[in-house]
Amino acid sequence: MSVHQSVISWQRNPHESEAGTYSRNHQVMLNGGQQVNVSASVEFKGDPNCADPEQMLVSAVSSCHMLFFLAIAEFQGYQVDSYEDNPVGYLERNDKKGMEVTRIELSPQITFGGDKVPDPKAISRIHTNAHSNCFIRNSITAEVTINHL
């Protein structure tokens, strides 16, 4: 078991462009004093210059998948030289007449080096194992797909 914490800090300020409402901007403090400026998404009166919680969720899923992919590839003797992803999450209406991130699409682009380079079937197996082991993916109800070829 491990424990994960952050600090969320918000103070009332007027909204920058809409009179009569408040700013959604706040800060998230992470390990090592890292600070992330966060707001609601633009569609919900947020600041387009800040990350939004949905982006952070999508990024967490992608990051978790990547970390498992790297670990599995290394364990199997493959050298990953680079890994880049442009994940996309979809905030949509659900059956309960609310909104939720219903699906997340990962599109990793991976470059291998070294003497042992995996074939497409091996890469697919590594993705399958990373997908099934990813802690974040296992913690959410959104469908996560991986477009890797």
Protein backbone atom coordinates (compact mmCIF):
# COMPACT_ATOMS: atom_id res chain seq x y z
CA MET A 1 0.00 0.00 0.00
CA SER A 2 1.08 3.56 -0.61
CA VAL A 3 -0.46 6.91 0.21
CA HIS A 4 -0.63 9.83 -2.24
CA GLN A 5 -1.32 13.43 -1.24
CA SER A 6 -1.52 16.89 -2.70
CA VAL A 7 -2.60 20.31 -1.48
CA ILE A 8 -5.38 22.24 -3.22
CA SER A 9 -5.52 25.99 -2.61
CA TRP A 10 -8.25 28.41 -3.81
CA GLN A 11 -9.10 31.96 -2.76
CA ARG A 12 -12.13 33.92 -3.86
CA ASN A 13 -11.36 36.35 -6.67
CA PRO A 14 -13.65 37.86 -9.28
CA HIS A 15 -13.88 36.06 -12.60
CA GLU A 16 -11.60 37.75 -15.13
CA SER A 17 -14.23 38.16 -17.86
CA GLU A 18 -17.63 37.45 -16.25
CA ALA A 19 -18.93 39.87 -13.67
CA GLY A 20 -21.00 38.38 -10.88
CA THR A 21 -19.14 35.10 -10.57
CA TYR A 22 -15.88 33.82 -9.10
CA SER A 23 -12.58 32.72 -10.60
CA ARG A 24 -12.17 28.97 -10.90
CA ASN A 25 -8.36 29.27 -10.77
CA HIS A 26 -6.54 27.42 -8.02
CA GLN A 27 -3.21 25.76 -7.32
CA VAL A 28 -2.30 22.14 -6.79
CA MET A 29 0.88 21.56 -4.81
CA LEU A 30 2.69 18.28 -5.43
CA ASN A 31 5.83 16.57 -4.14
CA GLY A 32 8.95 18.68 -4.13
CA GLY A 33 6.98 21.92 -4.05
CA GLN A 34 5.75 21.60 -7.62
CA GLN A 35 2.80 23.89 -8.27
CA VAL A 36 0.29 23.36 -11.05
CA ASN A 37 -2.11 26.15 -11.97
CA VAL A 38 -5.54 24.60 -12.43
CA SER A 39 -8.96 25.90 -13.38
CA ALA A 40 -12.22 24.54 -14.70
CA SER A 41 -12.28 23.76 -18.39
CA VAL A 42 -13.12 26.70 -20.63
CA GLU A 43 -16.63 25.32 -21.20
CA PHE A 44 -17.25 25.75 -17.46
CA LYS A 45 -15.89 29.30 -17.06
CA GLY A 46 -12.31 28.21 -16.60
CA ASP A 47 -9.04 29.85 -17.57
CA PRO A 48 -7.66 28.54 -20.89
CA ASN A 49 -4.11 29.17 -19.62
CA CYS A 50 -4.48 26.61 -16.83
CA ALA A 51 -4.72 22.84 -16.72
CA ASP A 52 -8.18 21.49 -15.96
CA PRO A 53 -9.07 18.42 -13.86
CA GLU A 54 -10.13 16.45 -16.92
CA GLN A 55 -6.74 17.07 -18.59
CA MET A 56 -5.03 15.97 -15.40
CA LEU A 57 -7.08 12.74 -15.30
CA VAL A 58 -6.29 11.98 -18.94
CA SER A 59 -2.61 12.76 -18.32
CA ALA A 60 -2.57 10.51 -15.24
CA VAL A 61 -3.96 7.58 -17.25
CA SER A 62 -1.41 8.12 -20.02
CA SER A 63 1.49 8.54 -17.59
CA CYS A 64 0.54 5.41 -15.65
CA HIS A 65 0.24 3.36 -18.85
CA MET A 66 3.62 4.65 -20.04
CA LEU A 67 5.36 3.81 -16.75
CA PHE A 68 4.04 0.25 -16.84
CA PHE A 69 4.94 -0.07 -20.54
CA LEU A 70 8.53 1.06 -19.82
CA ALA A 71 8.88 -1.32 -16.87
CA ILE A 72 7.52 -4.32 -18.79
CA ALA A 73 9.61 -3.55 -21.87
CA GLU A 74 12.77 -3.30 -19.76
CA PHE A 75 11.93 -6.53 -17.91
CA GLN A 76 11.57 -8.27 -21.28
CA GLY A 77 14.93 -6.94 -22.47
CA TYR A 78 13.75 -4.14 -24.77
CA GLN A 79 15.30 -0.68 -24.72
CA VAL A 80 12.79 2.15 -25.14
CA ASP A 81 14.54 5.30 -26.38
CA SER A 82 11.48 7.55 -26.52
CA TYR A 83 7.79 7.45 -25.70
CA GLU A 84 5.32 10.18 -26.62
CA ASP A 85 1.55 10.20 -26.28
CA ASN A 86 -1.21 12.65 -27.10
CA PRO A 87 -4.07 11.28 -24.99
CA VAL A 88 -7.62 12.51 -25.54
CA GLY A 89 -10.46 12.28 -23.03
CA TYR A 90 -14.14 12.74 -23.79
CA LEU A 91 -16.42 14.43 -21.26
CA GLU A 92 -19.92 13.28 -22.19
CA ARG A 93 -23.39 12.85 -20.75
CA ASN A 94 -23.93 9.63 -18.88
CA ASP A 95 -27.08 7.55 -18.28
CA LYS A 96 -27.75 9.41 -15.01
CA LYS A 97 -28.17 12.74 -16.86
CA GLY A 98 -24.82 13.93 -15.54
CA MET A 99 -21.40 14.34 -17.12
CA GLU A 100 -18.36 12.08 -16.88
CA VAL A 101 -15.18 11.26 -18.71
CA THR A 102 -16.55 8.27 -20.59
CA ARG A 103 -13.55 7.32 -22.69
CA ILE A 104 -9.87 8.03 -23.03
CA GLU A 105 -7.82 7.30 -26.13
CA LEU A 106 -4.07 6.80 -25.84
CA SER A 107 -1.91 7.06 -28.98
CA PRO A 108 1.64 6.27 -27.90
CA GLN A 109 4.52 6.64 -30.36
CA ILE A 110 7.48 4.59 -29.19
CA THR A 111 11.04 4.36 -30.46
CA PHE A 112 13.13 1.35 -29.52
CA GLY A 113 16.91 1.07 -29.55
CA GLY A 114 19.43 -1.54 -28.63
CA ASP A 115 19.98 -4.98 -30.11
CA LYS A 116 16.58 -6.48 -29.28
CA VAL A 117 13.65 -4.71 -30.97
CA PRO A 118 10.12 -6.04 -30.39
CA ASP A 119 7.88 -7.02 -33.29
CA PRO A 120 4.30 -5.66 -33.47
CA LYS A 121 2.88 -8.67 -31.59
CA ALA A 122 5.34 -8.17 -28.73
CA ILE A 123 4.53 -4.46 -28.59
CA SER A 124 0.82 -5.30 -28.47
CA ARG A 125 1.41 -7.75 -25.59
CA ILE A 126 3.37 -5.12 -23.66
CA HIS A 127 0.52 -2.63 -24.14
CA THR A 128 -2.03 -5.25 -23.02
CA ASN A 129 -0.03 -5.96 -19.87
CA ALA A 130 0.51 -2.26 -19.16
CA HIS A 131 -3.22 -1.62 -19.70
CA SER A 132 -4.31 -4.35 -17.30
CA ASN A 133 -1.80 -3.33 -14.60
CA CYS A 134 -2.16 0.46 -14.70
CA PHE A 135 -3.35 1.60 -11.26
CA ILE A 136 -5.13 4.70 -12.56
CA ARG A 137 -6.91 2.87 -15.38
CA ASN A 138 -8.06 0.27 -12.86
CA SER A 139 -9.47 3.08 -10.68
CA ILE A 140 -11.79 4.70 -13.22
CA THR A 141 -14.90 3.68 -15.13
CA ALA A 142 -13.97 5.38 -18.41
CA GLU A 143 -13.15 3.09 -21.32
CA VAL A 144 -9.44 3.35 -22.17
CA THR A 145 -8.29 2.39 -25.66
CA ILE A 146 -4.75 2.24 -27.00
CA ASN A 147 -4.07 3.10 -30.62
CA HIS A 148 -0.49 1.95 -31.01
CA LEU A 149 -0.03 0.85 -34.61
